[in-house]
Structures are given as C-alpha cells and as structure tokens.
Amino acid sequence: MTALDRSLALGPLAVSLGQLLLVFALVVAIVIGALVGRRRRIGVSDTLFTLVFVALVGARLVFIVRYWDAYDSIWAMLDIRDRGFDPLGAGIAALAYSGWRLWRAPRQRHALCAALLAGVLTWGVAAYALVQSDDGNRAALPETPLATLDGATTDLPALHDAQPLVVNLWASWCPPCRREMPLLADTQQRRNDVTFMFVNQGESRQAVRHYLDSESLDLDNVLRDEALALGEYVGAQAMPTTLFYDADGHLADTHFGELSQATLTHALSRLASPQ
C-alpha cells in the first residue's frame, strides 16, 4: 500500500490520503483563482466545483460502461459507495469541461488557467513527495502474526500459495463488511485461481464463529488479528479494507470501503494483468 492509499477514519467516513490530497489541491486552486481574479472581480470557484462534479460523473460513467455486466440494477450503478471510478474517464471529462469553459468564458481564462495550474502542480508535487517518502516495505506480504480459528499462529507469507491473494480486513460489527461478505464468499467459491483470506480485526474467536454461523457463511482461510497489528502495519484505519496481492506477493491494488461486484471484478482483473 502506497502512502496515497493509506486510509483515515473520519467518524463514520473513510478517506484515503490521496482523496485528502485532491481536496487540498482543490482548495489551493480556489485560493489562487480568487487572488488572480480579484482585480477584475472575477470568481472561478463555481467553475472549479462544477469541474470536480463533471470529472466525478465522467469517472463513474466510464467505470459503469467498462463493467456493465457486473451491475444488476440502476440503483447499483448510482450507489457510489463501492468507489467505482475510472481515472481516465475523470481526466477526459475534466479536460473537456475545462476547454469548453475557457472557450465560452474568455474573461475567466487568466484566473481559471492560474487556478488549474496551481491545483495540478499542488497535487503532483505532494503526491510525488508522499510516494517517494514511503518506505516501500509495505508492498510485500506482511509477516504480522495472525491466528486461525483453531488458535494456531500463522502469517500471510506462510499461507501464500504462489497465486494471487485477496486479503479482506473486516469485523462483524461493521455494516459494510457484512454487506460485502456474501459477495466475497461467493467469489471465493467460484475462483480457484485466487486465494481469499478473511482477517478479522480485534474480535474473539467466539464472536467470529457466532457471526459466520448466524449468517450461514462458509468461508475458507478465516484468520484473527486480535491486536489489530495487520491493519496498523498496512495503514488501514477503516474497515472494510481489501488488499490485492499478485502471485509474487507484491501489493497490486487496495480498496477501502465496501466492494461491489464491479469493483471486485476490476481489482481481480488487475491481478491477472501485468503490473
């Protein structure tokens, strides 16, 4: 997990450092746009907020088109809790709207260009600094001690079987964890080319067994991280967090928050593709 992927819990919300960085870049863009446009009394904040909205819509639409078969209803397409957004779609939508706005509103061009440049530079420099400052050790399978439901001590490298690995950090009291668990259980049963491991965070053996029995969940590779050491090591401060490792045991993708069929399909496709 890179520095940009690490999550923070803000009350009931979970955000990544990358998302916080985008918000910071937007704030910088708004401030610079206001300063540049002040002399002519030209504001660009509304344009910048619209640009963000257009980029998000573009990112969502492209993601839905890419994984159309994974959505079974309009509601599922509108439910952005699965965080299914396509970066390329966001970039195309943002460029198209920016170009159209610069053409249609010539009085805004100077301030808007300055704001966009400031925002992009802020995000680029800060993202580069965060990635470069990362220690790099978090990309490999952690050797954090875990326990099986039978009480035996183990860790992820010991259980890795030279095929792609999906590690889900969860708890029975976590509503999005409970909502996504049937999907993960079904996928584990269908996919024998990927190993799924479910690492419970901080609950007792009895609590885990009671939850699995009450929900009639037949899961393989259920582990316990009673001290929350794995979540702390990988920088996941919110649940659920799902880590996707390639066959060599290197981190390929991270998803924090609830998975949908589409976002799970997307992450698994990345495991099958050269990184």
Protein backbone atom coordinates (compact mmCIF):
# COMPACT_ATOMS: atom_id res chain seq x y z
CA MET A 1 0.00 0.00 0.00
CA THR A 2 1.48 3.32 -1.04
CA ALA A 3 1.23 6.43 1.06
CA LEU A 4 -1.61 7.70 -1.17
CA ASP A 5 -3.65 4.53 -0.50
CA ARG A 6 -3.49 4.64 3.28
CA SER A 7 -6.84 5.32 4.83
CA LEU A 8 -8.04 7.53 7.64
CA ALA A 9 -11.25 7.19 9.61
CA LEU A 10 -13.13 10.48 9.99
CA GLY A 11 -16.08 9.46 12.13
CA PRO A 12 -18.24 7.12 10.01
CA LEU A 13 -16.36 8.07 6.84
CA ALA A 14 -13.20 6.51 5.46
CA VAL A 15 -10.96 8.55 3.21
CA SER A 16 -7.55 7.90 1.69
CA LEU A 17 -4.61 10.27 1.80
CA GLY A 18 -4.95 10.50 -1.97
CA GLN A 19 -8.50 11.79 -1.65
CA LEU A 20 -7.49 14.28 1.03
CA LEU A 21 -4.72 15.45 -1.27
CA LEU A 22 -7.22 16.07 -4.07
CA VAL A 23 -9.33 18.16 -1.69
CA PHE A 24 -6.24 20.13 -0.68
CA ALA A 25 -5.34 20.71 -4.34
CA LEU A 26 -8.88 21.99 -4.96
CA VAL A 27 -8.59 24.41 -2.04
CA VAL A 28 -5.28 25.71 -3.41
CA ALA A 29 -6.83 26.14 -6.85
CA ILE A 30 -9.77 28.09 -5.39
CA VAL A 31 -7.45 30.39 -3.42
CA ILE A 32 -5.16 31.07 -6.38
CA GLY A 33 -8.11 31.63 -8.68
CA ALA A 34 -9.61 34.12 -6.24
CA LEU A 35 -6.33 36.01 -5.86
CA VAL A 36 -5.69 36.23 -9.60
CA GLY A 37 -9.27 37.19 -10.41
CA ARG A 38 -9.67 39.68 -7.57
CA ARG A 39 -8.53 42.72 -9.55
CA ARG A 40 -11.14 42.14 -12.22
CA ARG A 41 -13.69 40.89 -9.71
CA ILE A 42 -13.87 37.55 -11.47
CA GLY A 43 -14.57 34.41 -9.46
CA VAL A 44 -13.79 30.89 -10.59
CA SER A 45 -14.79 28.85 -7.53
CA ASP A 46 -18.16 27.85 -9.02
CA THR A 47 -16.40 26.75 -12.19
CA LEU A 48 -13.91 24.68 -10.21
CA PHE A 49 -16.64 22.95 -8.20
CA THR A 50 -18.51 22.20 -11.42
CA LEU A 51 -15.30 20.84 -12.91
CA VAL A 52 -14.93 18.43 -9.99
CA PHE A 53 -18.55 17.31 -10.36
CA VAL A 54 -18.15 16.76 -14.10
CA ALA A 55 -14.94 14.77 -13.52
CA LEU A 56 -16.67 12.54 -10.96
CA VAL A 57 -19.62 11.92 -13.26
CA GLY A 58 -17.29 11.11 -16.13
CA ALA A 59 -15.27 8.75 -13.97
CA ARG A 60 -18.39 6.95 -12.81
CA LEU A 61 -19.95 6.66 -16.26
CA VAL A 62 -16.79 5.22 -17.80
CA PHE A 63 -16.47 2.73 -14.93
CA ILE A 64 -20.09 1.62 -15.36
CA VAL A 65 -19.61 1.15 -19.09
CA ARG A 66 -16.47 -0.91 -18.51
CA TYR A 67 -18.21 -3.20 -16.01
CA TRP A 68 -21.77 -3.02 -17.30
CA ASP A 69 -22.43 -6.75 -16.82
CA ALA A 70 -21.46 -6.54 -13.15
CA TYR A 71 -24.33 -4.18 -12.32
CA ASP A 72 -27.78 -5.69 -11.92
CA SER A 73 -29.81 -2.51 -11.37
CA ILE A 74 -29.87 1.23 -11.86
CA TRP A 75 -29.59 1.65 -8.10
CA ALA A 76 -26.36 -0.35 -8.07
CA MET A 77 -24.98 1.95 -10.76
CA LEU A 78 -25.92 5.02 -8.71
CA ASP A 79 -24.56 3.60 -5.45
CA ILE A 80 -21.11 5.21 -5.36
CA ARG A 81 -20.27 3.62 -2.00
CA ASP A 82 -18.37 0.98 -3.96
CA ARG A 83 -15.95 3.75 -5.07
CA GLY A 84 -16.06 2.60 -8.67
CA PHE A 85 -14.48 5.49 -10.61
CA ASP A 86 -12.28 5.40 -13.68
CA PRO A 87 -9.33 7.87 -13.53
CA LEU A 88 -9.09 8.10 -17.31
CA GLY A 89 -12.79 8.96 -17.51
CA ALA A 90 -12.26 11.68 -14.90
CA GLY A 91 -9.34 13.14 -16.82
CA ILE A 92 -11.17 13.18 -20.15
CA ALA A 93 -14.26 14.78 -18.62
CA ALA A 94 -12.19 17.38 -16.76
CA LEU A 95 -10.19 18.32 -19.86
CA ALA A 96 -13.32 18.58 -22.00
CA TYR A 97 -15.12 20.79 -19.50
CA SER A 98 -12.05 22.96 -18.89
CA GLY A 99 -11.57 23.52 -22.62
CA TRP A 100 -15.24 24.33 -23.12
CA ARG A 101 -15.25 26.75 -20.19
CA LEU A 102 -12.09 28.52 -21.33
CA TRP A 103 -13.65 28.96 -24.78
CA ARG A 104 -17.06 30.11 -23.52
CA ALA A 105 -15.87 32.45 -20.74
CA PRO A 106 -12.87 34.44 -22.02
CA ARG A 107 -12.98 36.81 -19.00
CA GLN A 108 -12.23 33.83 -16.74
CA ARG A 109 -9.31 32.49 -18.74
CA HIS A 110 -6.48 34.13 -16.84
CA ALA A 111 -7.78 33.29 -13.37
CA LEU A 112 -9.01 29.83 -14.36
CA CYS A 113 -5.73 28.86 -16.00
CA ALA A 114 -3.82 30.00 -12.92
CA ALA A 115 -6.18 28.04 -10.65
CA LEU A 116 -5.92 24.87 -12.73
CA LEU A 117 -2.15 25.09 -12.93
CA ALA A 118 -1.87 25.64 -9.17
CA GLY A 119 -4.15 22.71 -8.41
CA VAL A 120 -2.38 20.29 -10.75
CA LEU A 121 1.06 21.31 -9.51
CA THR A 122 -0.01 21.03 -5.87
CA TRP A 123 -1.38 17.54 -6.38
CA GLY A 124 1.58 16.40 -8.48
CA VAL A 125 4.30 17.67 -6.16
CA ALA A 126 2.60 16.47 -2.98
CA ALA A 127 1.75 13.04 -4.46
CA TYR A 128 5.32 12.59 -5.64
CA ALA A 129 6.67 13.57 -2.22
CA LEU A 130 4.36 11.13 -0.43
CA VAL A 131 5.22 8.25 -2.72
CA GLN A 132 8.95 8.95 -2.50
CA SER A 133 8.82 9.15 1.28
CA ASP A 134 7.13 5.76 1.51
CA ASP A 135 9.43 3.14 2.98
CA GLY A 136 8.49 0.57 0.31
CA ASN A 137 8.28 -2.30 2.81
CA ARG A 138 4.51 -2.20 2.90
CA ALA A 139 4.31 -3.50 -0.67
CA ALA A 140 5.32 -7.04 0.38
CA LEU A 141 3.21 -9.55 2.28
CA PRO A 142 3.37 -8.55 5.98
CA GLU A 143 4.74 -11.08 8.44
CA THR A 144 2.40 -9.85 11.16
CA PRO A 145 1.39 -12.78 13.43
CA LEU A 146 -2.18 -13.93 12.93
CA ALA A 147 -4.24 -16.73 14.43
CA THR A 148 -6.54 -19.32 12.89
CA LEU A 149 -9.94 -20.04 14.40
CA ASP A 150 -8.38 -23.13 15.94
CA GLY A 151 -5.86 -20.96 17.77
CA ALA A 152 -2.76 -21.79 15.72
CA THR A 153 -0.33 -18.94 15.00
CA THR A 154 0.48 -18.16 11.37
CA ASP A 155 1.05 -15.24 9.00
CA LEU A 156 0.25 -14.30 5.41
CA PRO A 157 3.59 -15.35 3.83
CA ALA A 158 3.24 -18.81 5.38
CA LEU A 159 -0.20 -19.23 3.80
CA HIS A 160 0.66 -17.73 0.42
CA ASP A 161 0.46 -20.44 -2.25
CA ALA A 162 2.09 -18.71 -5.26
CA GLN A 163 -1.15 -17.42 -6.72
CA PRO A 164 -2.89 -14.04 -6.44
CA LEU A 165 -4.09 -13.27 -2.94
CA VAL A 166 -7.01 -11.18 -1.68
CA VAL A 167 -6.85 -10.15 1.99
CA ASN A 168 -10.03 -8.72 3.45
CA LEU A 169 -9.85 -6.86 6.79
CA TRP A 170 -13.25 -6.97 8.44
CA ALA A 171 -15.27 -7.07 11.66
CA SER A 172 -18.75 -8.42 12.41
CA TRP A 173 -19.91 -5.07 13.85
CA CYS A 174 -19.02 -3.24 10.61
CA PRO A 175 -22.15 -2.81 8.38
CA PRO A 176 -20.31 -2.50 5.03
CA CYS A 177 -18.21 -5.54 5.96
CA ARG A 178 -21.38 -7.55 6.49
CA ARG A 179 -22.91 -6.30 3.23
CA GLU A 180 -19.92 -7.28 1.09
CA MET A 181 -19.20 -10.63 2.79
CA PRO A 182 -21.69 -12.73 0.75
CA LEU A 183 -20.12 -11.41 -2.46
CA LEU A 184 -16.63 -12.32 -1.25
CA ALA A 185 -17.79 -15.73 -0.04
CA ASP A 186 -19.41 -16.48 -3.40
CA THR A 187 -16.35 -15.32 -5.31
CA GLN A 188 -14.08 -17.46 -3.14
CA GLN A 189 -16.17 -20.50 -4.04
CA ARG A 190 -16.13 -19.69 -7.77
CA ARG A 191 -12.49 -18.67 -8.20
CA ASN A 192 -9.89 -21.32 -7.61
CA ASP A 193 -7.19 -19.21 -9.26
CA VAL A 194 -7.23 -16.64 -6.45
CA THR A 195 -6.75 -17.21 -2.71
CA PHE A 196 -9.06 -15.28 -0.39
CA MET A 197 -8.19 -14.65 3.25
CA PHE A 198 -10.52 -13.00 5.73
CA VAL A 199 -8.65 -11.35 8.59
CA ASN A 200 -10.96 -10.35 11.41
CA GLN A 201 -9.89 -7.25 13.29
CA GLY A 202 -9.93 -7.39 17.07
CA GLU A 203 -12.77 -9.82 17.82
CA SER A 204 -12.72 -13.01 19.84
CA ARG A 205 -12.82 -16.49 18.36
CA GLN A 206 -16.34 -16.97 19.74
CA ALA A 207 -17.60 -13.74 18.17
CA VAL A 208 -16.20 -14.66 14.77
CA ARG A 209 -17.68 -18.17 14.86
CA HIS A 210 -21.05 -16.85 16.01
CA TYR A 211 -21.18 -14.37 13.13
CA LEU A 212 -20.22 -16.94 10.49
CA ASP A 213 -22.76 -19.44 11.83
CA SER A 214 -25.58 -16.92 12.16
CA GLU A 215 -25.06 -15.71 8.59
CA SER A 216 -24.52 -19.23 7.20
CA LEU A 217 -21.23 -18.17 5.66
CA ASP A 218 -18.94 -20.96 4.53
CA LEU A 219 -15.55 -19.26 4.34
CA ASP A 220 -12.07 -20.71 3.97
CA ASN A 221 -8.98 -19.05 5.43
CA VAL A 222 -10.62 -17.09 8.25
CA LEU A 223 -7.92 -15.56 10.46
CA ARG A 224 -7.86 -13.33 13.53
CA ASP A 225 -5.81 -10.21 14.14
CA GLU A 226 -6.77 -9.60 17.74
CA ALA A 227 -4.18 -6.85 18.30
CA LEU A 228 -5.12 -5.02 15.04
CA ALA A 229 -1.45 -5.23 14.06
CA LEU A 230 -2.04 -6.02 10.40
CA GLY A 231 -4.37 -3.08 9.88
CA GLU A 232 -1.87 -0.78 11.56
CA TYR A 233 1.04 -2.15 9.51
CA VAL A 234 -0.64 -1.62 6.14
CA GLY A 235 -2.01 1.78 7.13
CA ALA A 236 -5.69 0.81 7.04
CA GLN A 237 -7.53 2.78 9.71
CA ALA A 238 -11.03 1.96 8.48
CA MET A 239 -12.97 -1.17 7.59
CA PRO A 240 -13.52 -2.91 5.38
CA THR A 241 -10.15 -2.71 3.65
CA THR A 242 -9.23 -5.21 0.96
CA LEU A 243 -5.66 -5.78 -0.21
CA PHE A 244 -4.89 -7.42 -3.55
CA TYR A 245 -1.50 -9.14 -3.92
CA ASP A 246 -0.11 -10.65 -7.11
CA ALA A 247 1.26 -14.18 -7.37
CA ASP A 248 4.69 -12.97 -6.25
CA GLY A 249 3.26 -11.49 -3.07
CA HIS A 250 3.54 -7.84 -4.10
CA LEU A 251 0.71 -5.42 -3.44
CA ALA A 252 -1.13 -4.68 -6.70
CA ASP A 253 -4.22 -2.79 -5.52
CA THR A 254 -6.02 -1.56 -2.42
CA HIS A 255 -9.72 -0.95 -1.88
CA PHE A 256 -11.05 0.56 1.32
CA GLY A 257 -14.77 0.65 1.83
CA GLU A 258 -17.45 -1.70 0.56
CA LEU A 259 -16.80 -3.76 -2.56
CA SER A 260 -19.40 -4.31 -5.26
CA GLN A 261 -19.33 -6.96 -7.97
CA ALA A 262 -17.97 -4.32 -10.36
CA THR A 263 -15.15 -3.06 -8.13
CA LEU A 264 -14.18 -6.60 -7.16
CA THR A 265 -14.11 -7.63 -10.83
CA HIS A 266 -11.96 -4.59 -11.60
CA ALA A 267 -9.45 -5.38 -8.85
CA LEU A 268 -9.23 -9.06 -9.80
CA SER A 269 -8.66 -8.13 -13.45
CA ARG A 270 -5.68 -6.04 -12.37
CA LEU A 271 -4.24 -9.08 -10.61
CA ALA A 272 -4.45 -11.04 -13.86
CA SER A 273 -2.80 -8.24 -15.86
CA PRO A 274 0.88 -7.31 -15.91
CA GLN A 275 1.54 -4.52 -13.42
